[in-house]
Amino acid sequence: MNPQQNFENLNLELPPPPQPMGVYKPFLIVGNMAYVSGHGTFRTDGTLIKGRIGQDLNIEQGKLAAKQVGLSIISTLLDNLESLDRIERVVKVLGMVNCTPEFGKHPYIINGCSELFRNIWGQEHGVGVRSAVGMGSLPDNIPVEIEAQFLLK
């Protein structure tokens, strides 16, 4: 199966593509690379999941929030590319986790997004390089923000 079919078979509902909350582009193509700006935890109704992991949200809620960010990124990709089949591979994911100082499971949280991408593009093309870091705060008190880079066909 191709990536678009893989995504459709997951039967997941996408949030609307987020609009910029500052002076930046949410999506940009340079050469054969697609860059997606930091995306937040938008639900399908357009509202935000909010809270700090380790304080307001537990680890499993944080992982689900990261998956929701992945869906927001997919929404932006489809809004700009029309099909996930235009993407050759995931190149890089940068995940930022709004968490308490003692929280240390940032990679587990960002797996929520990474596992989604792997399920769409497969092990070989859906897993790229990645960073997962903790933050003292994120915009609007969202628990996770993720940016990503993709190689285009």
Protein backbone atom coordinates (compact mmCIF):
# COMPACT_ATOMS: atom_id res chain seq x y z
CA MET A 1 0.00 0.00 0.00
CA ASN A 2 0.99 3.60 -0.47
CA PRO A 3 1.19 6.22 2.31
CA GLN A 4 -2.15 7.83 1.47
CA GLN A 5 -3.91 4.45 1.63
CA ASN A 6 -2.07 3.58 4.84
CA PHE A 7 -3.34 6.79 6.42
CA GLU A 8 -6.90 6.26 5.21
CA ASN A 9 -6.87 2.70 6.61
CA LEU A 10 -6.06 4.09 10.07
CA ASN A 11 -9.53 5.77 10.11
CA LEU A 12 -8.22 8.80 11.99
CA GLU A 13 -9.95 12.17 11.99
CA LEU A 14 -7.81 15.20 11.18
CA PRO A 15 -7.98 18.57 12.87
CA PRO A 16 -8.18 21.59 10.57
CA PRO A 17 -4.80 22.84 9.33
CA PRO A 18 -3.64 25.39 11.93
CA GLN A 19 -3.24 29.01 10.99
CA PRO A 20 -0.02 30.89 11.87
CA MET A 21 0.00 32.45 15.33
CA GLY A 22 2.89 34.76 14.43
CA VAL A 23 5.03 35.87 11.52
CA TYR A 24 5.97 32.58 9.85
CA LYS A 25 4.83 30.05 7.26
CA PRO A 26 3.37 26.80 8.58
CA PHE A 27 4.65 24.96 5.48
CA LEU A 28 7.44 25.66 3.01
CA ILE A 29 9.00 23.75 0.13
CA VAL A 30 12.66 24.43 -0.65
CA GLY A 31 14.06 22.24 -3.42
CA ASN A 32 12.96 18.70 -2.69
CA MET A 33 12.40 19.31 1.04
CA ALA A 34 9.12 20.16 2.78
CA TYR A 35 9.44 21.95 6.11
CA VAL A 36 6.59 22.06 8.59
CA SER A 37 6.75 24.69 11.35
CA GLY A 38 6.05 23.81 14.95
CA HIS A 39 2.51 22.48 15.30
CA GLY A 40 0.46 22.23 18.46
CA THR A 41 -2.11 19.95 19.97
CA PHE A 42 -5.22 20.82 17.96
CA ARG A 43 -8.26 18.59 18.38
CA THR A 44 -10.60 17.85 15.47
CA ASP A 45 -12.90 20.70 16.60
CA GLY A 46 -9.98 23.18 16.43
CA THR A 47 -9.56 23.56 20.20
CA LEU A 48 -6.23 22.93 21.90
CA ILE A 49 -5.24 20.20 24.33
CA LYS A 50 -3.62 22.13 27.18
CA GLY A 51 -1.57 21.30 30.25
CA ARG A 52 1.85 20.41 31.51
CA ILE A 53 2.99 16.78 31.47
CA GLY A 54 3.82 15.54 34.96
CA GLN A 55 1.46 18.10 36.46
CA ASP A 56 -1.82 18.35 34.50
CA LEU A 57 -1.38 15.39 32.15
CA ASN A 58 0.10 11.94 32.69
CA ILE A 59 2.57 10.23 30.36
CA GLU A 60 -0.11 8.42 28.32
CA GLN A 61 -2.11 11.63 27.85
CA GLY A 62 1.11 13.30 26.73
CA LYS A 63 1.78 10.57 24.17
CA LEU A 64 -1.76 10.94 22.81
CA ALA A 65 -1.22 14.71 22.62
CA ALA A 66 1.92 14.09 20.51
CA LYS A 67 -0.11 11.83 18.21
CA GLN A 68 -2.63 14.65 17.86
CA VAL A 69 0.20 16.99 16.85
CA GLY A 70 1.21 14.42 14.23
CA LEU A 71 -2.35 14.51 12.89
CA SER A 72 -2.17 18.30 12.76
CA ILE A 73 1.05 18.02 10.72
CA ILE A 74 -0.67 15.52 8.38
CA SER A 75 -3.51 18.01 7.97
CA THR A 76 -1.04 20.71 6.91
CA LEU A 77 0.72 18.31 4.54
CA LEU A 78 -2.54 17.32 2.85
CA ASP A 79 -3.66 20.95 2.65
CA ASN A 80 -0.47 21.79 0.74
CA LEU A 81 0.43 18.58 -1.11
CA GLU A 82 -3.02 16.99 -1.61
CA SER A 83 -1.58 13.48 -1.11
CA LEU A 84 0.83 11.90 1.34
CA ASP A 85 2.18 9.90 -1.62
CA ARG A 86 4.22 12.99 -2.62
CA ILE A 87 6.45 12.41 0.41
CA GLU A 88 9.40 10.08 -0.05
CA ARG A 89 10.38 9.93 3.62
CA VAL A 90 10.34 11.56 7.03
CA VAL A 91 13.74 13.23 7.49
CA LYS A 92 13.61 14.88 10.93
CA VAL A 93 11.22 15.39 13.81
CA LEU A 94 11.85 17.87 16.62
CA GLY A 95 9.53 17.31 19.58
CA MET A 96 9.22 19.78 22.43
CA VAL A 97 7.50 18.67 25.64
CA ASN A 98 6.00 21.11 28.15
CA CYS A 99 6.75 19.26 31.37
CA THR A 100 7.75 19.52 34.98
CA PRO A 101 11.49 19.81 35.71
CA GLU A 102 11.74 16.24 37.03
CA PHE A 103 10.01 14.67 34.01
CA GLY A 104 12.48 12.71 31.89
CA LYS A 105 10.49 10.58 29.42
CA HIS A 106 10.44 13.08 26.55
CA PRO A 107 11.24 10.42 23.89
CA TYR A 108 8.27 8.31 25.01
CA ILE A 109 5.92 11.28 24.59
CA ILE A 110 7.18 12.11 21.08
CA ASN A 111 6.73 8.46 20.09
CA GLY A 112 3.04 9.35 19.76
CA CYS A 113 3.90 11.30 16.60
CA SER A 114 6.75 9.07 15.44
CA GLU A 115 4.62 5.93 15.61
CA LEU A 116 1.92 7.64 13.54
CA PHE A 117 4.46 8.57 10.85
CA ARG A 118 5.89 5.03 10.89
CA ASN A 119 2.38 3.62 10.41
CA ILE A 120 1.86 5.85 7.37
CA TRP A 121 5.24 5.69 5.58
CA GLY A 122 6.57 2.42 7.01
CA GLN A 123 9.66 1.59 9.06
CA GLU A 124 12.13 2.50 6.32
CA HIS A 125 10.61 5.81 5.19
CA GLY A 126 8.51 6.85 8.19
CA VAL A 127 11.30 6.95 10.77
CA GLY A 128 13.84 9.72 10.46
CA VAL A 129 16.26 11.40 12.83
CA ARG A 130 14.66 12.95 15.90
CA SER A 131 15.13 15.12 18.93
CA ALA A 132 12.83 15.14 21.96
CA VAL A 133 13.43 17.85 24.53
CA GLY A 134 11.73 19.25 27.62
CA MET A 135 10.60 22.86 27.83
CA GLY A 136 9.64 25.08 30.73
CA SER A 137 6.59 26.25 28.78
CA LEU A 138 5.04 26.20 25.31
CA PRO A 139 2.58 28.61 23.63
CA ASP A 140 -0.92 28.62 25.17
CA ASN A 141 0.27 26.00 27.69
CA ILE A 142 0.08 23.19 25.11
CA PRO A 143 1.79 19.97 26.24
CA VAL A 144 3.64 19.23 22.97
CA GLU A 145 4.93 21.12 19.93
CA ILE A 146 6.50 19.32 16.98
CA GLU A 147 8.17 20.47 13.77
CA ALA A 148 9.19 18.15 10.95
CA GLN A 149 11.08 17.90 7.67
CA PHE A 150 10.15 15.63 4.77
CA LEU A 151 11.89 14.60 1.55
CA LEU A 152 9.62 14.98 -1.47
CA LYS A 153 9.51 12.63 -4.46
